[in-house]
Amino acid sequence: MSREGVRSFFRSRWLGLAPIDRLFWRDMLLVGTGISIASSVAALILLGLKMPLGLVLAVHFAPVPYNIFLTIAVWRTAETSGAKALLMMLGSALWLIASVVV
């Protein structure tokens, strides 16, 4: 993906231009969860290799800023969407808590 493509991805989500269904189901639940799982697995591997705890924690929590971004994007987009979006707002908040704690 080009630099402009990355900018466009983040801009459309931040401005609420991406469809709420795509943002919630694909971007957050599918991709965001996948990234979180991958970083947790990498952190466990590093822990098993007896790497410094600071590095292990940094790898484990690396996706948190992206997860916060996605949650805020869902909330911003849901403000202009219908009643179904309120459930997505709740789901995104619970997902963020789960992705940070687990």
N, C-alpha and C. Protein backbone atom coordinates (compact mmCIF):
# COMPACT_ATOMS: atom_id res chain seq x y z
N MET A 1 0.85 -1.18 0.00
CA MET A 1 0.00 0.00 0.00
C MET A 1 0.89 1.23 0.00
N SER A 2 0.56 2.20 -0.81
CA SER A 2 1.35 3.42 -0.90
C SER A 2 1.11 4.32 0.31
N ARG A 3 1.98 5.29 0.42
CA ARG A 3 1.84 6.24 1.53
C ARG A 3 0.50 6.97 1.45
N GLU A 4 0.10 7.34 0.23
CA GLU A 4 -1.18 8.03 0.07
C GLU A 4 -2.34 7.10 0.41
N GLY A 5 -2.19 5.82 0.10
CA GLY A 5 -3.23 4.85 0.45
C GLY A 5 -3.40 4.71 1.95
N VAL A 6 -2.27 4.72 2.67
CA VAL A 6 -2.32 4.64 4.13
C VAL A 6 -2.98 5.89 4.70
N ARG A 7 -2.59 7.05 4.17
CA ARG A 7 -3.21 8.31 4.62
C ARG A 7 -4.71 8.29 4.37
N SER A 8 -5.09 7.83 3.19
CA SER A 8 -6.50 7.78 2.83
C SER A 8 -7.27 6.84 3.76
N PHE A 9 -6.66 5.70 4.10
CA PHE A 9 -7.29 4.74 5.01
C PHE A 9 -7.58 5.41 6.35
N PHE A 10 -6.56 6.02 6.95
CA PHE A 10 -6.75 6.63 8.26
C PHE A 10 -7.67 7.85 8.20
N ARG A 11 -7.53 8.65 7.16
CA ARG A 11 -8.36 9.85 7.03
C ARG A 11 -9.83 9.49 6.91
N SER A 12 -10.15 8.49 6.07
CA SER A 12 -11.56 8.12 5.87
C SER A 12 -12.18 7.59 7.15
N ARG A 13 -11.40 6.87 7.94
CA ARG A 13 -11.93 6.35 9.19
C ARG A 13 -12.09 7.46 10.23
N TRP A 14 -11.11 8.35 10.30
CA TRP A 14 -11.16 9.42 11.28
C TRP A 14 -12.31 10.39 10.99
N LEU A 15 -12.57 10.64 9.71
CA LEU A 15 -13.62 11.59 9.34
C LEU A 15 -15.00 10.95 9.27
N GLY A 16 -15.08 9.65 9.54
CA GLY A 16 -16.37 8.97 9.52
C GLY A 16 -16.89 8.70 8.12
N LEU A 17 -16.00 8.62 7.14
CA LEU A 17 -16.41 8.39 5.76
C LEU A 17 -16.50 6.91 5.40
N ALA A 18 -15.87 6.05 6.18
CA ALA A 18 -15.94 4.61 5.93
C ALA A 18 -17.28 4.08 6.45
N PRO A 19 -17.87 3.14 5.74
CA PRO A 19 -19.14 2.55 6.23
C PRO A 19 -18.93 1.92 7.61
N ILE A 20 -19.89 2.13 8.49
CA ILE A 20 -19.77 1.66 9.86
C ILE A 20 -19.63 0.14 9.93
N ASP A 21 -20.33 -0.57 9.05
CA ASP A 21 -20.23 -2.04 9.06
C ASP A 21 -18.81 -2.49 8.72
N ARG A 22 -18.20 -1.90 7.71
CA ARG A 22 -16.83 -2.25 7.34
C ARG A 22 -15.86 -1.89 8.45
N LEU A 23 -16.05 -0.73 9.01
CA LEU A 23 -15.16 -0.26 10.08
C LEU A 23 -15.24 -1.17 11.29
N PHE A 24 -16.44 -1.53 11.70
CA PHE A 24 -16.61 -2.35 12.90
C PHE A 24 -16.22 -3.81 12.66
N TRP A 25 -16.84 -4.44 11.66
CA TRP A 25 -16.65 -5.88 11.47
C TRP A 25 -15.29 -6.22 10.86
N ARG A 26 -14.91 -5.54 9.79
CA ARG A 26 -13.66 -5.91 9.14
C ARG A 26 -12.45 -5.28 9.80
N ASP A 27 -12.47 -3.93 9.88
CA ASP A 27 -11.29 -3.22 10.37
C ASP A 27 -11.01 -3.52 11.84
N MET A 28 -12.04 -3.45 12.66
CA MET A 28 -11.80 -3.61 14.09
C MET A 28 -11.81 -5.07 14.51
N LEU A 29 -12.92 -5.76 14.31
CA LEU A 29 -13.02 -7.12 14.84
C LEU A 29 -12.11 -8.11 14.12
N LEU A 30 -12.05 -8.04 12.81
CA LEU A 30 -11.24 -9.02 12.08
C LEU A 30 -9.76 -8.64 12.06
N VAL A 31 -9.45 -7.49 11.49
CA VAL A 31 -8.04 -7.08 11.35
C VAL A 31 -7.44 -6.67 12.69
N GLY A 32 -8.14 -5.84 13.45
CA GLY A 32 -7.61 -5.39 14.74
C GLY A 32 -7.37 -6.54 15.71
N THR A 33 -8.30 -7.48 15.75
CA THR A 33 -8.13 -8.65 16.62
C THR A 33 -6.96 -9.50 16.13
N GLY A 34 -6.85 -9.67 14.82
CA GLY A 34 -5.73 -10.43 14.26
C GLY A 34 -4.38 -9.83 14.60
N ILE A 35 -4.29 -8.52 14.51
CA ILE A 35 -3.04 -7.83 14.86
C ILE A 35 -2.74 -8.00 16.35
N SER A 36 -3.75 -7.88 17.18
CA SER A 36 -3.56 -8.05 18.62
C SER A 36 -3.11 -9.47 18.97
N ILE A 37 -3.72 -10.45 18.34
CA ILE A 37 -3.33 -11.84 18.58
C ILE A 37 -1.90 -12.08 18.12
N ALA A 38 -1.55 -11.56 16.95
CA ALA A 38 -0.19 -11.75 16.42
C ALA A 38 0.85 -11.12 17.34
N SER A 39 0.56 -9.93 17.87
CA SER A 39 1.53 -9.29 18.76
C SER A 39 1.62 -10.03 20.09
N SER A 40 0.51 -10.59 20.56
CA SER A 40 0.55 -11.38 21.80
C SER A 40 1.36 -12.66 21.61
N VAL A 41 1.19 -13.31 20.48
CA VAL A 41 1.96 -14.52 20.18
C VAL A 41 3.45 -14.18 20.09
N ALA A 42 3.76 -13.08 19.40
CA ALA A 42 5.16 -12.66 19.29
C ALA A 42 5.74 -12.35 20.67
N ALA A 43 4.95 -11.71 21.53
CA ALA A 43 5.42 -11.39 22.88
C ALA A 43 5.67 -12.67 23.69
N LEU A 44 4.79 -13.66 23.53
CA LEU A 44 4.99 -14.93 24.24
C LEU A 44 6.24 -15.65 23.74
N ILE A 45 6.49 -15.58 22.46
CA ILE A 45 7.71 -16.18 21.91
C ILE A 45 8.94 -15.48 22.49
N LEU A 46 8.90 -14.15 22.51
CA LEU A 46 10.02 -13.40 23.08
C LEU A 46 10.21 -13.72 24.56
N LEU A 47 9.12 -13.89 25.27
CA LEU A 47 9.20 -14.25 26.68
C LEU A 47 9.83 -15.63 26.85
N GLY A 48 9.43 -16.55 25.98
CA GLY A 48 10.01 -17.89 26.01
C GLY A 48 11.51 -17.89 25.68
N LEU A 49 11.93 -16.93 24.88
CA LEU A 49 13.35 -16.80 24.54
C LEU A 49 14.13 -16.01 25.60
N LYS A 50 13.45 -15.69 26.71
CA LYS A 50 14.07 -14.96 27.83
C LYS A 50 14.58 -13.58 27.43
N MET A 51 13.83 -12.93 26.56
CA MET A 51 14.16 -11.55 26.17
C MET A 51 13.77 -10.61 27.32
N PRO A 52 14.31 -9.39 27.33
CA PRO A 52 13.98 -8.45 28.40
C PRO A 52 12.47 -8.18 28.47
N LEU A 53 11.98 -8.07 29.69
CA LEU A 53 10.55 -7.88 29.91
C LEU A 53 10.04 -6.60 29.23
N GLY A 54 10.85 -5.56 29.21
CA GLY A 54 10.45 -4.32 28.55
C GLY A 54 10.14 -4.53 27.07
N LEU A 55 10.97 -5.32 26.41
CA LEU A 55 10.75 -5.62 25.00
C LEU A 55 9.48 -6.45 24.82
N VAL A 56 9.29 -7.43 25.68
CA VAL A 56 8.10 -8.28 25.61
C VAL A 56 6.84 -7.43 25.78
N LEU A 57 6.84 -6.55 26.75
CA LEU A 57 5.67 -5.69 26.98
C LEU A 57 5.45 -4.71 25.83
N ALA A 58 6.53 -4.19 25.29
CA ALA A 58 6.42 -3.26 24.15
C ALA A 58 5.78 -3.95 22.95
N VAL A 59 6.19 -5.17 22.67
CA VAL A 59 5.61 -5.93 21.56
C VAL A 59 4.15 -6.26 21.85
N HIS A 60 3.86 -6.66 23.07
CA HIS A 60 2.48 -7.02 23.43
C HIS A 60 1.53 -5.84 23.31
N PHE A 61 1.96 -4.67 23.76
CA PHE A 61 1.09 -3.50 23.76
C PHE A 61 1.24 -2.61 22.53
N ALA A 62 2.05 -3.01 21.56
CA ALA A 62 2.25 -2.20 20.35
C ALA A 62 0.95 -1.88 19.60
N PRO A 63 -0.02 -2.79 19.51
CA PRO A 63 -1.24 -2.46 18.77
C PRO A 63 -2.23 -1.57 19.50
N VAL A 64 -1.98 -1.25 20.76
CA VAL A 64 -2.96 -0.47 21.54
C VAL A 64 -3.28 0.89 20.90
N PRO A 65 -2.30 1.67 20.42
CA PRO A 65 -2.68 2.94 19.77
C PRO A 65 -3.60 2.74 18.56
N TYR A 66 -3.32 1.72 17.77
CA TYR A 66 -4.18 1.43 16.62
C TYR A 66 -5.57 1.01 17.08
N ASN A 67 -5.65 0.21 18.14
CA ASN A 67 -6.95 -0.21 18.67
C ASN A 67 -7.74 0.98 19.21
N ILE A 68 -7.05 1.90 19.86
CA ILE A 68 -7.73 3.11 20.35
C ILE A 68 -8.23 3.93 19.17
N PHE A 69 -7.39 4.05 18.14
CA PHE A 69 -7.82 4.77 16.93
C PHE A 69 -9.09 4.16 16.35
N LEU A 70 -9.11 2.83 16.21
CA LEU A 70 -10.29 2.18 15.64
C LEU A 70 -11.54 2.39 16.49
N THR A 71 -11.38 2.33 17.80
CA THR A 71 -12.52 2.54 18.69
C THR A 71 -13.06 3.96 18.55
N ILE A 72 -12.17 4.92 18.53
CA ILE A 72 -12.60 6.32 18.36
C ILE A 72 -13.25 6.51 16.99
N ALA A 73 -12.70 5.87 15.96
CA ALA A 73 -13.28 5.97 14.62
C ALA A 73 -14.69 5.39 14.59
N VAL A 74 -14.91 4.27 15.27
CA VAL A 74 -16.25 3.70 15.33
C VAL A 74 -17.20 4.68 16.03
N TRP A 75 -16.76 5.26 17.12
CA TRP A 75 -17.61 6.20 17.85
C TRP A 75 -17.92 7.43 17.00
N ARG A 76 -16.92 7.96 16.30
CA ARG A 76 -17.14 9.15 15.46
C ARG A 76 -18.10 8.83 14.32
N THR A 77 -17.95 7.65 13.73
CA THR A 77 -18.81 7.26 12.62
C THR A 77 -20.22 6.95 13.12
N ALA A 78 -20.31 6.35 14.29
CA ALA A 78 -21.62 5.97 14.83
C ALA A 78 -22.47 7.20 15.17
N GLU A 79 -21.84 8.32 15.41
CA GLU A 79 -22.59 9.54 15.72
C GLU A 79 -23.49 9.95 14.56
N THR A 80 -23.09 9.58 13.34
CA THR A 80 -23.87 9.96 12.16
C THR A 80 -24.66 8.80 11.59
N SER A 81 -24.64 7.65 12.27
CA SER A 81 -25.33 6.46 11.78
C SER A 81 -26.59 6.20 12.59
N GLY A 82 -27.26 5.11 12.28
CA GLY A 82 -28.54 4.79 12.90
C GLY A 82 -28.42 4.13 14.26
N ALA A 83 -29.53 3.53 14.69
CA ALA A 83 -29.61 2.92 16.02
C ALA A 83 -28.67 1.72 16.16
N LYS A 84 -28.47 0.98 15.09
CA LYS A 84 -27.56 -0.16 15.13
C LYS A 84 -26.16 0.29 15.54
N ALA A 85 -25.82 1.51 15.21
CA ALA A 85 -24.49 2.03 15.52
C ALA A 85 -24.27 2.16 17.02
N LEU A 86 -25.34 2.35 17.78
CA LEU A 86 -25.18 2.43 19.24
C LEU A 86 -24.67 1.12 19.81
N LEU A 87 -25.14 0.01 19.27
CA LEU A 87 -24.63 -1.30 19.69
C LEU A 87 -23.17 -1.47 19.28
N MET A 88 -22.82 -0.93 18.13
CA MET A 88 -21.44 -1.00 17.68
C MET A 88 -20.53 -0.15 18.57
N MET A 89 -21.05 0.96 19.06
CA MET A 89 -20.28 1.78 20.00
C MET A 89 -19.98 0.99 21.27
N LEU A 90 -21.00 0.35 21.80
CA LEU A 90 -20.82 -0.48 22.99
C LEU A 90 -19.86 -1.63 22.71
N GLY A 91 -20.05 -2.29 21.58
CA GLY A 91 -19.17 -3.39 21.21
C GLY A 91 -17.73 -2.96 21.04
N SER A 92 -17.53 -1.78 20.47
CA SER A 92 -16.15 -1.29 20.27
C SER A 92 -15.49 -0.97 21.61
N ALA A 93 -16.25 -0.44 22.55
CA ALA A 93 -15.68 -0.16 23.87
C ALA A 93 -15.29 -1.45 24.59
N LEU A 94 -16.17 -2.44 24.51
CA LEU A 94 -15.86 -3.73 25.14
C LEU A 94 -14.69 -4.41 24.46
N TRP A 95 -14.63 -4.29 23.12
CA TRP A 95 -13.51 -4.87 22.36
C TRP A 95 -12.18 -4.22 22.77
N LEU A 96 -12.19 -2.89 22.91
CA LEU A 96 -10.96 -2.20 23.31
C LEU A 96 -10.49 -2.67 24.68
N ILE A 97 -11.42 -2.77 25.62
CA ILE A 97 -11.06 -3.26 26.96
C ILE A 97 -10.48 -4.66 26.86
N ALA A 98 -11.13 -5.53 26.12
CA ALA A 98 -10.65 -6.91 25.99
C ALA A 98 -9.29 -6.97 25.31
N SER A 99 -9.08 -6.15 24.28
CA SER A 99 -7.81 -6.20 23.56
C SER A 99 -6.66 -5.65 24.38
N VAL A 100 -6.93 -4.78 25.31
CA VAL A 100 -5.86 -4.24 26.17
C VAL A 100 -5.59 -5.18 27.32
N VAL A 101 -6.63 -5.77 27.90
CA VAL A 101 -6.47 -6.62 29.08
C VAL A 101 -5.90 -7.99 28.72
N VAL A 102 -6.36 -8.55 27.62
CA VAL A 102 -5.94 -9.93 27.28
C VAL A 102 -4.63 -9.95 26.56
